[in-house]
Amino acid sequence: MASGLESYVNHTVSIITSDGRNFVGTLKGFDQTINLILDESHERVYSTNQGVEQVVLGLHIIRGDNVVIVGELDENLDSRLDLSSIRADPLNHIIH
């Protein structure tokens, strides 16, 4: 997986972790164990009662053993979303 991440460096990515968290930021680097370095990052916190809360994190490191999914974010499409109107159940922990 690590070699596939090279094309995402300096691009905006969305990362889902095994504890059900969603991080968005610019991928600045990674290592062989898929530890990820995000810059200008934030966490999107979903709720059924209110819109998506975006918690600003700045420079953030995510341990590779906690990474489930990494995907490039379409910034044009993402900028058109009204996150304040989105209601969703938070993701559950992933059990494997």
PDB file of N, CA and C in Angstrom:
ATOM      1  N   MET A   1       0.816  -1.193   0.000  1.00  0.00           N
ATOM      2  CA  MET A   1       0.000   0.000   0.000  1.00  0.00           C
ATOM      3  C   MET A   1       0.860   1.257   0.000  1.00  0.00           C
ATOM      4  N   ALA A   2       1.987   1.228   0.671  1.00  0.00           N
ATOM      5  CA  ALA A   2       2.812   2.422   0.800  1.00  0.00           C
ATOM      6  C   ALA A   2       3.233   2.971  -0.555  1.00  0.00           C
ATOM      7  N   SER A   3       3.585   2.099  -1.497  1.00  0.00           N
ATOM      8  CA  SER A   3       4.027   2.590  -2.803  1.00  0.00           C
ATOM      9  C   SER A   3       2.886   3.263  -3.551  1.00  0.00           C
ATOM     10  N   GLY A   4       1.642   2.867  -3.314  1.00  0.00           N
ATOM     11  CA  GLY A   4       0.485   3.491  -3.947  1.00  0.00           C
ATOM     12  C   GLY A   4       0.191   4.872  -3.392  1.00  0.00           C
ATOM     13  N   LEU A   5       0.714   5.183  -2.220  1.00  0.00           N
ATOM     14  CA  LEU A   5       0.473   6.487  -1.605  1.00  0.00           C
ATOM     15  C   LEU A   5       1.320   7.596  -2.213  1.00  0.00           C
ATOM     16  N   GLU A   6       2.366   7.243  -2.935  1.00  0.00           N
ATOM     17  CA  GLU A   6       3.256   8.252  -3.511  1.00  0.00           C
ATOM     18  C   GLU A   6       2.508   9.247  -4.385  1.00  0.00           C
ATOM     19  N   SER A   7       1.500   8.778  -5.116  1.00  0.00           N
ATOM     20  CA  SER A   7       0.758   9.677  -6.007  1.00  0.00           C
ATOM     21  C   SER A   7      -0.143  10.642  -5.237  1.00  0.00           C
ATOM     22  N   TYR A   8      -0.378  10.389  -3.938  1.00  0.00           N
ATOM     23  CA  TYR A   8      -1.228  11.254  -3.120  1.00  0.00           C
ATOM     24  C   TYR A   8      -0.442  12.346  -2.385  1.00  0.00           C
ATOM     25  N   VAL A   9       0.881  12.260  -2.378  1.00  0.00           N
ATOM     26  CA  VAL A   9       1.691  13.252  -1.674  1.00  0.00           C
ATOM     27  C   VAL A   9       1.431  14.637  -2.271  1.00  0.00           C
ATOM     28  N   ASN A  10       1.218  15.615  -1.383  1.00  0.00           N
ATOM     29  CA  ASN A  10       0.890  17.000  -1.729  1.00  0.00           C
ATOM     30  C   ASN A  10      -0.502  17.162  -2.332  1.00  0.00           C
ATOM     31  N   HIS A  11      -1.358  16.159  -2.159  1.00  0.00           N
ATOM     32  CA  HIS A  11      -2.757  16.239  -2.561  1.00  0.00           C
ATOM     33  C   HIS A  11      -3.629  16.143  -1.315  1.00  0.00           C
ATOM     34  N   THR A  12      -4.859  16.625  -1.426  1.00  0.00           N
ATOM     35  CA  THR A  12      -5.803  16.537  -0.318  1.00  0.00           C
ATOM     36  C   THR A  12      -6.379  15.129  -0.277  1.00  0.00           C
ATOM     37  N   VAL A  13      -6.317  14.518   0.907  1.00  0.00           N
ATOM     38  CA  VAL A  13      -6.805  13.151   1.077  1.00  0.00           C
ATOM     39  C   VAL A  13      -7.811  13.093   2.231  1.00  0.00           C
ATOM     40  N   SER A  14      -8.626  12.064   2.195  1.00  0.00           N
ATOM     41  CA  SER A  14      -9.530  11.744   3.296  1.00  0.00           C
ATOM     42  C   SER A  14      -9.074  10.404   3.852  1.00  0.00           C
ATOM     43  N   ILE A  15      -8.977  10.325   5.171  1.00  0.00           N
ATOM     44  CA  ILE A  15      -8.491   9.110   5.825  1.00  0.00           C
ATOM     45  C   ILE A  15      -9.518   8.658   6.848  1.00  0.00           C
ATOM     46  N   ILE A  16      -9.890   7.390   6.777  1.00  0.00           N
ATOM     47  CA  ILE A  16     -10.763   6.779   7.777  1.00  0.00           C
ATOM     48  C   ILE A  16      -9.882   5.880   8.635  1.00  0.00           C
ATOM     49  N   THR A  17     -10.027   5.996   9.950  1.00  0.00           N
ATOM     50  CA  THR A  17      -9.228   5.188  10.871  1.00  0.00           C
ATOM     51  C   THR A  17     -10.080   4.086  11.486  1.00  0.00           C
ATOM     52  N   SER A  18      -9.410   3.119  12.088  1.00  0.00           N
ATOM     53  CA  SER A  18     -10.119   1.957  12.642  1.00  0.00           C
ATOM     54  C   SER A  18     -11.022   2.318  13.816  1.00  0.00           C
ATOM     55  N   ASP A  19     -10.816   3.477  14.419  1.00  0.00           N
ATOM     56  CA  ASP A  19     -11.705   3.901  15.494  1.00  0.00           C
ATOM     57  C   ASP A  19     -12.846   4.776  14.980  1.00  0.00           C
ATOM     58  N   GLY A  20     -13.032   4.813  13.649  1.00  0.00           N
ATOM     59  CA  GLY A  20     -14.172   5.478  13.038  1.00  0.00           C
ATOM     60  C   GLY A  20     -14.031   6.972  12.830  1.00  0.00           C
ATOM     61  N   ARG A  21     -12.817   7.490  12.876  1.00  0.00           N
ATOM     62  CA  ARG A  21     -12.601   8.921  12.690  1.00  0.00           C
ATOM     63  C   ARG A  21     -12.295   9.221  11.223  1.00  0.00           C
ATOM     64  N   ASN A  22     -12.650  10.442  10.793  1.00  0.00           N
ATOM     65  CA  ASN A  22     -12.426  10.872   9.412  1.00  0.00           C
ATOM     66  C   ASN A  22     -11.560  12.128   9.433  1.00  0.00           C
ATOM     67  N   PHE A  23     -10.367  12.021   8.868  1.00  0.00           N
ATOM     68  CA  PHE A  23      -9.432  13.135   8.794  1.00  0.00           C
ATOM     69  C   PHE A  23      -9.295  13.578   7.347  1.00  0.00           C
ATOM     70  N   VAL A  24      -9.188  14.894   7.141  1.00  0.00           N
ATOM     71  CA  VAL A  24      -8.981  15.451   5.810  1.00  0.00           C
ATOM     72  C   VAL A  24      -7.805  16.418   5.904  1.00  0.00           C
ATOM     73  N   GLY A  25      -6.889  16.318   4.951  1.00  0.00           N
ATOM     74  CA  GLY A  25      -5.745  17.220   4.934  1.00  0.00           C
ATOM     75  C   GLY A  25      -4.839  16.932   3.754  1.00  0.00           C
ATOM     76  N   THR A  26      -3.748  17.663   3.683  1.00  0.00           N
ATOM     77  CA  THR A  26      -2.766  17.478   2.617  1.00  0.00           C
ATOM     78  C   THR A  26      -1.736  16.453   3.074  1.00  0.00           C
ATOM     79  N   LEU A  27      -1.627  15.361   2.325  1.00  0.00           N
ATOM     80  CA  LEU A  27      -0.649  14.325   2.661  1.00  0.00           C
ATOM     81  C   LEU A  27       0.750  14.850   2.360  1.00  0.00           C
ATOM     82  N   LYS A  28       1.570  14.957   3.403  1.00  0.00           N
ATOM     83  CA  LYS A  28       2.925  15.463   3.238  1.00  0.00           C
ATOM     84  C   LYS A  28       3.962  14.357   3.214  1.00  0.00           C
ATOM     85  N   GLY A  29       3.647  13.205   3.797  1.00  0.00           N
ATOM     86  CA  GLY A  29       4.613  12.121   3.797  1.00  0.00           C
ATOM     87  C   GLY A  29       4.059  10.883   4.481  1.00  0.00           C
ATOM     88  N   PHE A  30       4.811   9.787   4.353  1.00  0.00           N
ATOM     89  CA  PHE A  30       4.452   8.507   4.946  1.00  0.00           C
ATOM     90  C   PHE A  30       5.700   7.656   5.031  1.00  0.00           C
ATOM     91  N   ASP A  31       5.603   6.576   5.791  1.00  0.00           N
ATOM     92  CA  ASP A  31       6.735   5.647   5.860  1.00  0.00           C
ATOM     93  C   ASP A  31       6.268   4.241   5.511  1.00  0.00           C
ATOM     94  N   GLN A  32       7.158   3.256   5.679  1.00  0.00           N
ATOM     95  CA  GLN A  32       6.857   1.879   5.267  1.00  0.00           C
ATOM     96  C   GLN A  32       5.756   1.237   6.102  1.00  0.00           C
ATOM     97  N   THR A  33       5.473   1.773   7.286  1.00  0.00           N
ATOM     98  CA  THR A  33       4.388   1.223   8.113  1.00  0.00           C
ATOM     99  C   THR A  33       3.113   2.051   7.975  1.00  0.00           C
ATOM    100  N   ILE A  34       3.083   2.911   6.962  1.00  0.00           N
ATOM    101  CA  ILE A  34       1.939   3.746   6.606  1.00  0.00           C
ATOM    102  C   ILE A  34       1.575   4.751   7.698  1.00  0.00           C
ATOM    103  N   ASN A  35       2.558   5.154   8.518  1.00  0.00           N
ATOM    104  CA  ASN A  35       2.345   6.325   9.357  1.00  0.00           C
ATOM    105  C   ASN A  35       2.208   7.498   8.399  1.00  0.00           C
ATOM    106  N   LEU A  36       1.188   8.330   8.595  1.00  0.00           N
ATOM    107  CA  LEU A  36       0.884   9.401   7.660  1.00  0.00           C
ATOM    108  C   LEU A  36       1.080  10.764   8.310  1.00  0.00           C
ATOM    109  N   ILE A  37       1.609  11.714   7.548  1.00  0.00           N
ATOM    110  CA  ILE A  37       1.747  13.088   8.003  1.00  0.00           C
ATOM    111  C   ILE A  37       0.802  13.941   7.167  1.00  0.00           C
ATOM    112  N   LEU A  38      -0.146  14.595   7.856  1.00  0.00           N
ATOM    113  CA  LEU A  38      -1.101  15.482   7.193  1.00  0.00           C
ATOM    114  C   LEU A  38      -0.810  16.917   7.599  1.00  0.00           C
ATOM    115  N   ASP A  39      -0.907  17.823   6.647  1.00  0.00           N
ATOM    116  CA  ASP A  39      -0.779  19.248   6.941  1.00  0.00           C
ATOM    117  C   ASP A  39      -2.117  19.913   6.650  1.00  0.00           C
ATOM    118  N   GLU A  40      -2.372  21.052   7.295  1.00  0.00           N
ATOM    119  CA  GLU A  40      -3.625  21.781   7.117  1.00  0.00           C
ATOM    120  C   GLU A  40      -4.813  20.835   7.282  1.00  0.00           C
ATOM    121  N   SER A  41      -4.764  20.021   8.316  1.00  0.00           N
ATOM    122  CA  SER A  41      -5.768  18.969   8.470  1.00  0.00           C
ATOM    123  C   SER A  41      -6.883  19.358   9.433  1.00  0.00           C
ATOM    124  N   HIS A  42      -7.970  18.636   9.305  1.00  0.00           N
ATOM    125  CA  HIS A  42      -9.087  18.755  10.226  1.00  0.00           C
ATOM    126  C   HIS A  42      -9.779  17.403  10.329  1.00  0.00           C
ATOM    127  N   GLU A  43     -10.485  17.210  11.430  1.00  0.00           N
ATOM    128  CA  GLU A  43     -11.279  16.002  11.612  1.00  0.00           C
ATOM    129  C   GLU A  43     -12.731  16.372  11.382  1.00  0.00           C
ATOM    130  N   ARG A  44     -13.435  15.538  10.632  1.00  0.00           N
ATOM    131  CA  ARG A  44     -14.865  15.733  10.419  1.00  0.00           C
ATOM    132  C   ARG A  44     -15.615  14.820  11.386  1.00  0.00           C
ATOM    133  N   VAL A  45     -16.407  15.445  12.246  1.00  0.00           N
ATOM    134  CA  VAL A  45     -17.158  14.708  13.259  1.00  0.00           C
ATOM    135  C   VAL A  45     -18.625  14.719  12.846  1.00  0.00           C
ATOM    136  N   TYR A  46     -19.180  13.529  12.600  1.00  0.00           N
ATOM    137  CA  TYR A  46     -20.551  13.390  12.125  1.00  0.00           C
ATOM    138  C   TYR A  46     -21.512  13.197  13.294  1.00  0.00           C
ATOM    139  N   SER A  47     -22.735  13.675  13.113  1.00  0.00           N
ATOM    140  CA  SER A  47     -23.748  13.593  14.147  1.00  0.00           C
ATOM    141  C   SER A  47     -25.122  13.472  13.499  1.00  0.00           C
ATOM    142  N   THR A  48     -26.035  12.803  14.177  1.00  0.00           N
ATOM    143  CA  THR A  48     -27.409  12.718  13.668  1.00  0.00           C
ATOM    144  C   THR A  48     -28.222  13.942  14.061  1.00  0.00           C
ATOM    145  N   ASN A  49     -27.726  14.735  14.998  1.00  0.00           N
ATOM    146  CA  ASN A  49     -28.472  15.891  15.506  1.00  0.00           C
ATOM    147  C   ASN A  49     -28.081  17.212  14.867  1.00  0.00           C
ATOM    148  N   GLN A  50     -26.835  17.335  14.454  1.00  0.00           N
ATOM    149  CA  GLN A  50     -26.355  18.602  13.904  1.00  0.00           C
ATOM    150  C   GLN A  50     -25.454  18.320  12.718  1.00  0.00           C
ATOM    151  N   GLY A  51     -25.066  19.380  12.020  1.00  0.00           N
ATOM    152  CA  GLY A  51     -24.208  19.216  10.852  1.00  0.00           C
ATOM    153  C   GLY A  51     -22.825  18.697  11.214  1.00  0.00           C
ATOM    154  N   VAL A  52     -22.037  18.484  10.200  1.00  0.00           N
ATOM    155  CA  VAL A  52     -20.683  17.964  10.384  1.00  0.00           C
ATOM    156  C   VAL A  52     -19.819  19.043  11.032  1.00  0.00           C
ATOM    157  N   GLU A  53     -19.195  18.698  12.153  1.00  0.00           N
ATOM    158  CA  GLU A  53     -18.281  19.614  12.820  1.00  0.00           C
ATOM    159  C   GLU A  53     -16.878  19.361  12.274  1.00  0.00           C
ATOM    160  N   GLN A  54     -16.160  20.434  11.976  1.00  0.00           N
ATOM    161  CA  GLN A  54     -14.792  20.304  11.494  1.00  0.00           C
ATOM    162  C   GLN A  54     -13.851  20.840  12.569  1.00  0.00           C
ATOM    163  N   VAL A  55     -13.074  19.936  13.145  1.00  0.00           N
ATOM    164  CA  VAL A  55     -12.134  20.288  14.210  1.00  0.00           C
ATOM    165  C   VAL A  55     -10.764  20.502  13.576  1.00  0.00           C
ATOM    166  N   VAL A  56     -10.257  21.720  13.632  1.00  0.00           N
ATOM    167  CA  VAL A  56      -8.971  22.065  13.011  1.00  0.00           C
ATOM    168  C   VAL A  56      -7.837  21.445  13.817  1.00  0.00           C
ATOM    169  N   LEU A  57      -6.930  20.741  13.117  1.00  0.00           N
ATOM    170  CA  LEU A  57      -5.806  20.064  13.757  1.00  0.00           C
ATOM    171  C   LEU A  57      -4.458  20.607  13.310  1.00  0.00           C
ATOM    172  N   GLY A  58      -4.383  21.172  12.125  1.00  0.00           N
ATOM    173  CA  GLY A  58      -3.096  21.647  11.594  1.00  0.00           C
ATOM    174  C   GLY A  58      -2.243  20.477  11.148  1.00  0.00           C
ATOM    175  N   LEU A  59      -0.967  20.471  11.563  1.00  0.00           N
ATOM    176  CA  LEU A  59      -0.065  19.368  11.243  1.00  0.00           C
ATOM    177  C   LEU A  59      -0.410  18.194  12.149  1.00  0.00           C
ATOM    178  N   HIS A  60      -0.649  17.028  11.563  1.00  0.00           N
ATOM    179  CA  HIS A  60      -1.160  15.885  12.327  1.00  0.00           C
ATOM    180  C   HIS A  60      -0.519  14.592  11.817  1.00  0.00           C
ATOM    181  N   ILE A  61      -0.185  13.702  12.734  1.00  0.00           N
ATOM    182  CA  ILE A  61       0.378  12.389  12.383  1.00  0.00           C
ATOM    183  C   ILE A  61      -0.627  11.313  12.749  1.00  0.00           C
ATOM    184  N   ILE A  62      -0.860  10.386  11.825  1.00  0.00           N
ATOM    185  CA  ILE A  62      -1.770   9.262  12.059  1.00  0.00           C
ATOM    186  C   ILE A  62      -0.957   7.982  11.988  1.00  0.00           C
ATOM    187  N   ARG A  63      -1.037   7.185  13.051  1.00  0.00           N
ATOM    188  CA  ARG A  63      -0.297   5.915  13.081  1.00  0.00           C
ATOM    189  C   ARG A  63      -0.822   4.962  12.010  1.00  0.00           C
ATOM    190  N   GLY A  64       0.095   4.296  11.354  1.00  0.00           N
ATOM    191  CA  GLY A  64      -0.258   3.392  10.268  1.00  0.00           C
ATOM    192  C   GLY A  64      -1.125   2.228  10.680  1.00  0.00           C
ATOM    193  N   ASP A  65      -0.960   1.725  11.914  1.00  0.00           N
ATOM    194  CA  ASP A  65      -1.770   0.585  12.331  1.00  0.00           C
ATOM    195  C   ASP A  65      -3.216   0.973  12.612  1.00  0.00           C
ATOM    196  N   ASN A  66      -3.528   2.262  12.519  1.00  0.00           N
ATOM    197  CA  ASN A  66      -4.889   2.741  12.730  1.00  0.00           C
ATOM    198  C   ASN A  66      -5.582   3.129  11.418  1.00  0.00           C
ATOM    199  N   VAL A  67      -4.844   3.127  10.307  1.00  0.00           N
ATOM    200  CA  VAL A  67      -5.377   3.547   9.008  1.00  0.00           C
ATOM    201  C   VAL A  67      -6.167   2.411   8.363  1.00  0.00           C
ATOM    202  N   VAL A  68      -7.391   2.738   7.928  1.00  0.00           N
ATOM    203  CA  VAL A  68      -8.221   1.762   7.224  1.00  0.00           C
ATOM    204  C   VAL A  68      -8.313   2.115   5.742  1.00  0.00           C
ATOM    205  N   ILE A  69      -8.613   3.379   5.452  1.00  0.00           N
ATOM    206  CA  ILE A  69      -8.798   3.810   4.065  1.00  0.00           C
ATOM    207  C   ILE A  69      -8.116   5.155   3.855  1.00  0.00           C
ATOM    208  N   VAL A  70      -7.420   5.290   2.718  1.00  0.00           N
ATOM    209  CA  VAL A  70      -6.863   6.567   2.286  1.00  0.00           C
ATOM    210  C   VAL A  70      -7.358   6.805   0.871  1.00  0.00           C
ATOM    211  N   GLY A  71      -7.947   7.961   0.633  1.00  0.00           N
ATOM    212  CA  GLY A  71      -8.425   8.274  -0.701  1.00  0.00           C
ATOM    213  C   GLY A  71      -8.222   9.738  -1.016  1.00  0.00           C
ATOM    214  N   GLU A  72      -7.956  10.029  -2.285  1.00  0.00           N
ATOM    215  CA  GLU A  72      -7.808  11.421  -2.699  1.00  0.00           C
ATOM    216  C   GLU A  72      -9.173  12.089  -2.707  1.00  0.00           C
ATOM    217  N   LEU A  73      -9.236  13.308  -2.218  1.00  0.00           N
ATOM    218  CA  LEU A  73     -10.478  14.062  -2.124  1.00  0.00           C
ATOM    219  C   LEU A  73     -10.612  14.965  -3.342  1.00  0.00           C
ATOM    220  N   ASP A  74     -11.772  14.946  -3.974  1.00  0.00           N
ATOM    221  CA  ASP A  74     -12.057  15.860  -5.078  1.00  0.00           C
ATOM    222  C   ASP A  74     -12.406  17.210  -4.458  1.00  0.00           C
ATOM    223  N   GLU A  75     -11.457  18.142  -4.468  1.00  0.00           N
ATOM    224  CA  GLU A  75     -11.633  19.425  -3.782  1.00  0.00           C
ATOM    225  C   GLU A  75     -12.774  20.243  -4.370  1.00  0.00           C
ATOM    226  N   ASN A  76     -12.999  20.166  -5.687  1.00  0.00           N
ATOM    227  CA  ASN A  76     -14.101  20.911  -6.299  1.00  0.00           C
ATOM    228  C   ASN A  76     -15.444  20.394  -5.805  1.00  0.00           C
ATOM    229  N   LEU A  77     -15.610  19.104  -5.788  1.00  0.00           N
ATOM    230  CA  LEU A  77     -16.853  18.505  -5.307  1.00  0.00           C
ATOM    231  C   LEU A  77     -17.022  18.750  -3.806  1.00  0.00           C
ATOM    232  N   ASP A  78     -15.949  18.591  -3.050  1.00  0.00           N
ATOM    233  CA  ASP A  78     -16.009  18.767  -1.605  1.00  0.00           C
ATOM    234  C   ASP A  78     -16.376  20.208  -1.234  1.00  0.00           C
ATOM    235  N   SER A  79     -15.882  21.178  -1.975  1.00  0.00           N
ATOM    236  CA  SER A  79     -16.167  22.583  -1.659  1.00  0.00           C
ATOM    237  C   SER A  79     -17.635  22.930  -1.903  1.00  0.00           C
ATOM    238  N   ARG A  80     -18.330  22.145  -2.698  1.00  0.00           N
ATOM    239  CA  ARG A  80     -19.751  22.402  -2.962  1.00  0.00           C
ATOM    240  C   ARG A  80     -20.675  21.770  -1.921  1.00  0.00           C
ATOM    241  N   LEU A  81     -20.123  20.925  -1.045  1.00  0.00           N
ATOM    242  CA  LEU A  81     -20.947  20.296  -0.012  1.00  0.00           C
ATOM    243  C   LEU A  81     -21.292  21.296   1.081  1.00  0.00           C
ATOM    244  N   ASP A  82     -22.538  21.261   1.539  1.00  0.00           N
ATOM    245  CA  ASP A  82     -22.960  22.049   2.689  1.00  0.00           C
ATOM    246  C   ASP A  82     -22.874  21.132   3.907  1.00  0.00           C
ATOM    247  N   LEU A  83     -21.708  21.101   4.561  1.00  0.00           N
ATOM    248  CA  LEU A  83     -21.490  20.183   5.673  1.00  0.00           C
ATOM    249  C   LEU A  83     -22.422  20.462   6.840  1.00  0.00           C
ATOM    250  N   SER A  84     -22.912  21.683   6.966  1.00  0.00           N
ATOM    251  CA  SER A  84     -23.810  22.000   8.081  1.00  0.00           C
ATOM    252  C   SER A  84     -25.174  21.338   7.935  1.00  0.00           C
ATOM    253  N   SER A  85     -25.503  20.888   6.723  1.00  0.00           N
ATOM    254  CA  SER A  85     -26.804  20.248   6.515  1.00  0.00           C
ATOM    255  C   SER A  85     -26.719  18.721   6.490  1.00  0.00           C
ATOM    256  N   ILE A  86     -25.531  18.173   6.564  1.00  0.00           N
ATOM    257  CA  ILE A  86     -25.359  16.718   6.503  1.00  0.00           C
ATOM    258  C   ILE A  86     -25.544  16.117   7.891  1.00  0.00           C
ATOM    259  N   ARG A  87     -26.404  15.120   7.982  1.00  0.00           N
ATOM    260  CA  ARG A  87     -26.649  14.383   9.227  1.00  0.00           C
ATOM    261  C   ARG A  87     -26.295  12.926   8.968  1.00  0.00           C
ATOM    262  N   ALA A  88     -25.485  12.349   9.836  1.00  0.00           N
ATOM    263  CA  ALA A  88     -25.083  10.949   9.653  1.00  0.00           C
ATOM    264  C   ALA A  88     -24.663  10.362  10.987  1.00  0.00           C
ATOM    265  N   ASP A  89     -24.865   9.068  11.135  1.00  0.00           N
ATOM    266  CA  ASP A  89     -24.368   8.372  12.314  1.00  0.00           C
ATOM    267  C   ASP A  89     -22.845   8.357  12.271  1.00  0.00           C
ATOM    268  N   PRO A  90     -22.176   8.574  13.393  1.00  0.00           N
ATOM    269  CA  PRO A  90     -20.728   8.409  13.432  1.00  0.00           C
ATOM    270  C   PRO A  90     -20.364   6.962  13.087  1.00  0.00           C
ATOM    271  N   LEU A  91     -19.194   6.774  12.495  1.00  0.00           N
ATOM    272  CA  LEU A  91     -18.742   5.419  12.173  1.00  0.00           C
ATOM    273  C   LEU A  91     -18.410   4.665  13.456  1.00  0.00           C
ATOM    274  N   ASN A  92     -18.655   3.373  13.444  1.00  0.00           N
ATOM    275  CA  ASN A  92     -18.284   2.533  14.576  1.00  0.00           C
ATOM    276  C   ASN A  92     -16.831   2.117  14.454  1.00  0.00           C
ATOM    277  N   HIS A  93     -16.271   1.622  15.549  1.00  0.00           N
ATOM    278  CA  HIS A  93     -14.926   1.042  15.517  1.00  0.00           C
ATOM    279  C   HIS A  93     -14.937  -0.148  14.582  1.00  0.00           C
ATOM    280  N   ILE A  94     -13.839  -0.355  13.891  1.00  0.00           N
ATOM    281  CA  ILE A  94     -13.714  -1.508  13.013  1.00  0.00           C
ATOM    282  C   ILE A  94     -13.065  -2.632  13.781  1.00  0.00           C
ATOM    283  N   ILE A  95     -13.729  -3.766  13.817  1.00  0.00           N
ATOM    284  CA  ILE A  95     -13.241  -4.917  14.545  1.00  0.00           C
ATOM    285  C   ILE A  95     -12.737  -5.939  13.534  1.00  0.00           C
ATOM    286  N   HIS A  96     -11.487  -6.374  13.708  1.00  0.00           N
ATOM    287  CA  HIS A  96     -10.930  -7.384  12.785  1.00  0.00           C
ATOM    288  C   HIS A  96     -10.199  -8.446  13.540  1.00  0.00           C
TER     289      HIS A  96
END
